[in-house]
C-alpha atoms as a PDB file:
ATOM      1  CA  MET A   1      13.111  -6.145  -0.762  1.00  0.00           C
ATOM      2  CA  LEU A   2      12.035  -3.353  -1.697  1.00  0.00           C
ATOM      3  CA  ILE A   3       8.675  -1.947  -0.588  1.00  0.00           C
ATOM      4  CA  VAL A   4       6.069  -0.095  -3.581  1.00  0.00           C
ATOM      5  CA  ILE A   5       3.110   2.045  -3.260  1.00  0.00           C
ATOM      6  CA  ASN A   6       0.794   2.508  -6.070  1.00  0.00           C
ATOM      7  CA  PHE A   7      -1.710   4.959  -5.946  1.00  0.00           C
ATOM      8  CA  ILE A   8      -4.483   6.491  -8.073  1.00  0.00           C
ATOM      9  CA  SER A   9      -4.090  10.316  -7.587  1.00  0.00           C
ATOM     10  CA  ASN A  10      -5.540  13.514  -8.844  1.00  0.00           C
ATOM     11  CA  GLN A  11      -3.961  15.984  -6.137  1.00  0.00           C
ATOM     12  CA  ASN A  12      -1.188  16.931  -4.302  1.00  0.00           C
ATOM     13  CA  ASN A  13      -1.002  15.817  -0.345  1.00  0.00           C
ATOM     14  CA  SER A  14      -1.434  17.887   2.472  1.00  0.00           C
ATOM     15  CA  PHE A  15       0.181  15.603   4.261  1.00  0.00           C
ATOM     16  CA  ASN A  16       3.619  15.980   2.488  1.00  0.00           C
ATOM     17  CA  GLU A  17       5.629  16.177   5.592  1.00  0.00           C
ATOM     18  CA  THR A  18       4.230  13.127   7.731  1.00  0.00           C
ATOM     19  CA  ILE A  19       4.848  11.020   4.531  1.00  0.00           C
ATOM     20  CA  ILE A  20       8.023  12.175   4.246  1.00  0.00           C
ATOM     21  CA  ASP A  21       8.885  11.826   7.927  1.00  0.00           C
ATOM     22  CA  TYR A  22       7.444   8.180   7.581  1.00  0.00           C
ATOM     23  CA  LYS A  23       9.800   7.143   4.110  1.00  0.00           C
ATOM     24  CA  LYS A  24      12.664   8.356   6.272  1.00  0.00           C
ATOM     25  CA  ARG A  25      12.132   6.495   9.301  1.00  0.00           C
ATOM     26  CA  ILE A  26      11.568   3.310   7.212  1.00  0.00           C
ATOM     27  CA  LYS A  27      14.575   3.541   5.357  1.00  0.00           C
ATOM     28  CA  ILE A  28      16.564   3.763   7.953  1.00  0.00           C
ATOM     29  CA  ILE A  29      15.184   1.071  10.597  1.00  0.00           C
ATOM     30  CA  GLY A  30      14.212  -1.415   7.514  1.00  0.00           C
ATOM     31  CA  LYS A  31      17.823  -1.249   6.554  1.00  0.00           C
ATOM     32  CA  ASN A  32      17.692  -4.072   9.188  1.00  0.00           C
ATOM     33  CA  ILE A  33      15.769  -6.062   7.408  1.00  0.00           C
ATOM     34  CA  GLY A  34      16.946  -6.366   4.033  1.00  0.00           C
ATOM     35  CA  LEU A  35      15.054  -2.902   2.926  1.00  0.00           C
ATOM     36  CA  LYS A  36      16.429  -1.589  -0.038  1.00  0.00           C
ATOM     37  CA  ASP A  37      14.370   1.523  -0.585  1.00  0.00           C
ATOM     38  CA  ILE A  38      10.547   2.199  -0.520  1.00  0.00           C
ATOM     39  CA  LEU A  39       9.000   4.218  -3.341  1.00  0.00           C
ATOM     40  CA  LEU A  40       5.785   5.701  -3.933  1.00  0.00           C
ATOM     41  CA  ARG A  41       4.331   6.148  -7.296  1.00  0.00           C
ATOM     42  CA  LYS A  42       1.481   8.203  -8.272  1.00  0.00           C
ATOM     43  CA  ILE A  43      -0.769   7.293 -11.159  1.00  0.00           C
ATOM     44  CA  LYS A  44      -2.839   9.744 -13.145  1.00  0.00           C
ATOM     45  CA  HIS A  45      -6.495   9.568 -11.867  1.00  0.00           C
ATOM     46  CA  SER A  46      -8.914   9.164 -14.967  1.00  0.00           C
ATOM     47  CA  ASN A  47     -10.769  11.603 -16.667  1.00  0.00           C
ATOM     48  CA  LYS A  48     -13.929   9.617 -17.652  1.00  0.00           C
ATOM     49  CA  LYS A  49     -17.094  11.358 -16.585  1.00  0.00           C
ATOM     50  CA  ASN A  50     -18.782   7.944 -16.127  1.00  0.00           C
ATOM     51  CA  CYS A  51     -17.865   6.656 -13.042  1.00  0.00           C
ATOM     52  CA  ASN A  52     -18.006   2.712 -14.103  1.00  0.00           C
ATOM     53  CA  GLU A  53     -15.959   3.638 -17.119  1.00  0.00           C
ATOM     54  CA  ARG A  54     -13.353   5.742 -14.821  1.00  0.00           C
ATOM     55  CA  LYS A  55     -12.775   2.996 -11.880  1.00  0.00           C
ATOM     56  CA  GLN A  56     -11.880   0.306 -14.721  1.00  0.00           C
ATOM     57  CA  GLU A  57      -9.521   2.563 -16.736  1.00  0.00           C
ATOM     58  CA  GLU A  58      -8.008   3.129 -13.533  1.00  0.00           C
ATOM     59  CA  THR A  59      -7.785  -0.515 -12.049  1.00  0.00           C
ATOM     60  CA  LYS A  60      -6.234  -1.263 -15.619  1.00  0.00           C
ATOM     61  CA  LYS A  61      -3.247   1.171 -14.721  1.00  0.00           C
ATOM     62  CA  LEU A  62      -3.060  -0.792 -11.227  1.00  0.00           C
ATOM     63  CA  VAL A  63      -3.057  -4.174 -12.584  1.00  0.00           C
ATOM     64  CA  GLU A  64      -0.525  -2.733 -15.245  1.00  0.00           C
ATOM     65  CA  GLN A  65       2.019  -2.246 -12.542  1.00  0.00           C
ATOM     66  CA  ILE A  66       1.739  -5.890 -10.761  1.00  0.00           C
ATOM     67  CA  GLN A  67       4.963  -7.457 -10.799  1.00  0.00           C
ATOM     68  CA  LYS A  68       5.623 -11.201 -11.199  1.00  0.00           C
ATOM     69  CA  GLY A  69       7.993 -12.444  -7.964  1.00  0.00           C
ATOM     70  CA  SER A  70       6.960  -9.562  -6.092  1.00  0.00           C
ATOM     71  CA  LEU A  71       3.823  -9.605  -3.302  1.00  0.00           C
ATOM     72  CA  ASN A  72       1.004  -7.581  -4.720  1.00  0.00           C
ATOM     73  CA  ILE A  73      -1.353  -6.563  -2.184  1.00  0.00           C
ATOM     74  CA  LEU A  74      -4.961  -4.650  -2.974  1.00  0.00           C
ATOM     75  CA  LEU A  75      -5.809  -2.404  -0.340  1.00  0.00           C
ATOM     76  CA  ASP A  76     -10.012  -2.538  -0.204  1.00  0.00           C
ATOM     77  CA  ARG A  77     -12.603  -2.362   2.088  1.00  0.00           C
ATOM     78  CA  LYS A  78     -13.685  -5.355   1.050  1.00  0.00           C
ATOM     79  CA  GLY A  79     -10.360  -7.441   2.165  1.00  0.00           C
ATOM     80  CA  LEU A  80      -8.915  -9.130   4.721  1.00  0.00           C
ATOM     81  CA  ASN A  81      -8.963  -7.196   8.047  1.00  0.00           C
ATOM     82  CA  PHE A  82      -5.474  -7.417   9.940  1.00  0.00           C
ATOM     83  CA  ASN A  83      -4.509  -5.977  13.528  1.00  0.00           C
ATOM     84  CA  SER A  84      -1.093  -4.331  13.226  1.00  0.00           C
ATOM     85  CA  LEU A  85       0.600  -7.586  14.704  1.00  0.00           C
ATOM     86  CA  GLU A  86      -1.187  -9.602  11.849  1.00  0.00           C
ATOM     87  CA  PHE A  87      -0.382  -7.028   9.352  1.00  0.00           C
ATOM     88  CA  SER A  88       3.327  -7.414  10.043  1.00  0.00           C
ATOM     89  CA  GLU A  89       3.781 -11.286  10.323  1.00  0.00           C
ATOM     90  CA  TYR A  90       1.597 -11.501   6.624  1.00  0.00           C
ATOM     91  CA  ILE A  91       3.765  -8.926   4.725  1.00  0.00           C
ATOM     92  CA  PHE A  92       7.013 -10.018   6.114  1.00  0.00           C
ATOM     93  CA  ASP A  93       6.095 -13.842   6.570  1.00  0.00           C
ATOM     94  CA  GLN A  94       4.792 -13.998   2.812  1.00  0.00           C
ATOM     95  CA  SER A  95       7.545 -11.612   1.742  1.00  0.00           C
ATOM     96  CA  ASN A  96      10.543 -13.865   3.418  1.00  0.00           C
ATOM     97  CA  PHE A  97      12.510 -10.671   3.533  1.00  0.00           C
ATOM     98  CA  THR A  98      13.483 -11.126  -0.059  1.00  0.00           C
ATOM     99  CA  GLN A  99      10.515 -10.200  -2.160  1.00  0.00           C
ATOM    100  CA  ASN A 100       9.416  -7.082  -3.402  1.00  0.00           C
ATOM    101  CA  VAL A 101       5.906  -5.709  -1.697  1.00  0.00           C
ATOM    102  CA  ILE A 102       4.402  -3.588  -3.811  1.00  0.00           C
ATOM    103  CA  PHE A 103       0.467  -2.354  -2.193  1.00  0.00           C
ATOM    104  CA  PHE A 104      -1.511  -0.847  -4.501  1.00  0.00           C
ATOM    105  CA  ILE A 105      -4.426   2.184  -3.417  1.00  0.00           C
ATOM    106  CA  GLY A 106      -7.581   2.513  -5.908  1.00  0.00           C
ATOM    107  CA  GLY A 107      -8.945   5.615  -7.163  1.00  0.00           C
ATOM    108  CA  SER A 108     -12.141   7.144  -5.184  1.00  0.00           C
ATOM    109  CA  ASP A 109     -14.441   4.957  -7.046  1.00  0.00           C
ATOM    110  CA  GLY A 110     -12.844   1.783  -5.888  1.00  0.00           C
ATOM    111  CA  VAL A 111     -11.553  -0.612  -7.883  1.00  0.00           C
ATOM    112  CA  ASP A 112     -13.124  -3.013 -10.260  1.00  0.00           C
ATOM    113  CA  ARG A 113     -14.106  -6.197  -8.855  1.00  0.00           C
ATOM    114  CA  LYS A 114     -13.058  -7.986 -11.613  1.00  0.00           C
ATOM    115  CA  TYR A 115      -9.723  -7.582 -11.766  1.00  0.00           C
ATOM    116  CA  CYS A 116      -9.052  -8.392  -7.744  1.00  0.00           C
ATOM    117  CA  LYS A 117      -8.152 -12.152  -8.751  1.00  0.00           C
ATOM    118  CA  LYS A 118      -5.125 -10.450 -10.108  1.00  0.00           C
ATOM    119  CA  PHE A 119      -3.335  -9.390  -6.844  1.00  0.00           C
ATOM    120  CA  ASP A 120      -1.906 -12.098  -4.507  1.00  0.00           C
ATOM    121  CA  ASN A 121      -4.044 -10.647  -1.828  1.00  0.00           C
ATOM    122  CA  ILE A 122      -6.316  -7.897  -0.515  1.00  0.00           C
ATOM    123  CA  ILE A 123      -6.328  -6.168   3.075  1.00  0.00           C
ATOM    124  CA  SER A 124      -8.529  -3.564   4.249  1.00  0.00           C
ATOM    125  CA  PHE A 125      -8.267  -0.987   7.336  1.00  0.00           C
ATOM    126  CA  GLY A 126     -11.756  -1.706   8.161  1.00  0.00           C
ATOM    127  CA  ASP A 127     -14.879  -1.061   7.069  1.00  0.00           C
ATOM    128  CA  LEU A 128     -14.408   2.964   7.600  1.00  0.00           C
ATOM    129  CA  THR A 129     -14.059   4.796   4.587  1.00  0.00           C
ATOM    130  CA  TRP A 130     -10.512   6.792   4.557  1.00  0.00           C
ATOM    131  CA  PRO A 131      -9.522   9.925   2.637  1.00  0.00           C
ATOM    132  CA  HIS A 132      -6.971   9.178   0.289  1.00  0.00           C
ATOM    133  CA  MET A 133      -4.714  11.765   1.260  1.00  0.00           C
ATOM    134  CA  MET A 134      -4.618  10.305   4.656  1.00  0.00           C
ATOM    135  CA  PHE A 135      -4.466   6.453   3.585  1.00  0.00           C
ATOM    136  CA  LYS A 136      -1.386   6.978   1.950  1.00  0.00           C
ATOM    137  CA  MET A 137       0.031   8.303   5.402  1.00  0.00           C
ATOM    138  CA  MET A 138      -1.718   5.550   7.456  1.00  0.00           C
ATOM    139  CA  LEU A 139      -0.020   3.088   5.293  1.00  0.00           C
ATOM    140  CA  LEU A 140       3.215   4.262   5.839  1.00  0.00           C
ATOM    141  CA  GLU A 141       2.633   4.242   9.205  1.00  0.00           C
ATOM    142  CA  GLN A 142       1.497   0.679   9.623  1.00  0.00           C
ATOM    143  CA  ILE A 143       4.667  -0.189   7.539  1.00  0.00           C
ATOM    144  CA  TYR A 144       6.876   1.435   9.838  1.00  0.00           C
ATOM    145  CA  ARG A 145       4.734   0.213  12.645  1.00  0.00           C
ATOM    146  CA  SER A 146       5.424  -3.542  10.994  1.00  0.00           C
ATOM    147  CA  ILE A 147       9.214  -2.982  10.743  1.00  0.00           C
ATOM    148  CA  THR A 148      10.019  -1.787  14.169  1.00  0.00           C
ATOM    149  CA  ILE A 149       7.974  -4.828  15.411  1.00  0.00           C
ATOM    150  CA  ILE A 150      10.013  -7.619  12.915  1.00  0.00           C
ATOM    151  CA  ASN A 151      13.147  -5.338  15.252  1.00  0.00           C
ATOM    152  CA  LYS A 152      11.625  -5.383  18.023  1.00  0.00           C
ATOM    153  CA  HIS A 153      11.862  -1.892  18.401  1.00  0.00           C
ATOM    154  CA  PRO A 154       9.856  -0.196  21.083  1.00  0.00           C
ATOM    155  CA  TYR A 155       7.379   1.775  18.919  1.00  0.00           C
ATOM    156  CA  HIS A 156       4.938  -1.093  19.148  1.00  0.00           C
ATOM    157  CA  LYS A 157       3.555  -1.284  22.196  1.00  0.00           C
END
């Protein structure tokens, strides 16, 4: 299994140390469930001035990264809300530990709704709006937490 996080971005992340730390943790404990690697793929943001054109161009770039045979999950405020246990169960039950899991984080304008059906599912981290720099780190933390839940590790209390 491979986990990939595709994200639209135009800036460096001030949370890089924490992101690197979670990636290391995920790789170490993830070996127990067959995780080969976790990759972060930065997709360049659009330079279009018009918000709708920018959103459409960025969404198309994300959609190009969808892989058949993988579990493709869009992260969006209008998706399903899970607690940490439900998130863990969903990700690992759906992937059967054999499919790659690919997460998609849109740009600051969100995603073009007409492309949403191309993803296998849409998951929300709640109704709050999160800065992109923080959100990637939060997703990594939830992936790590999910793996600790599966491994019955005491991290998730």
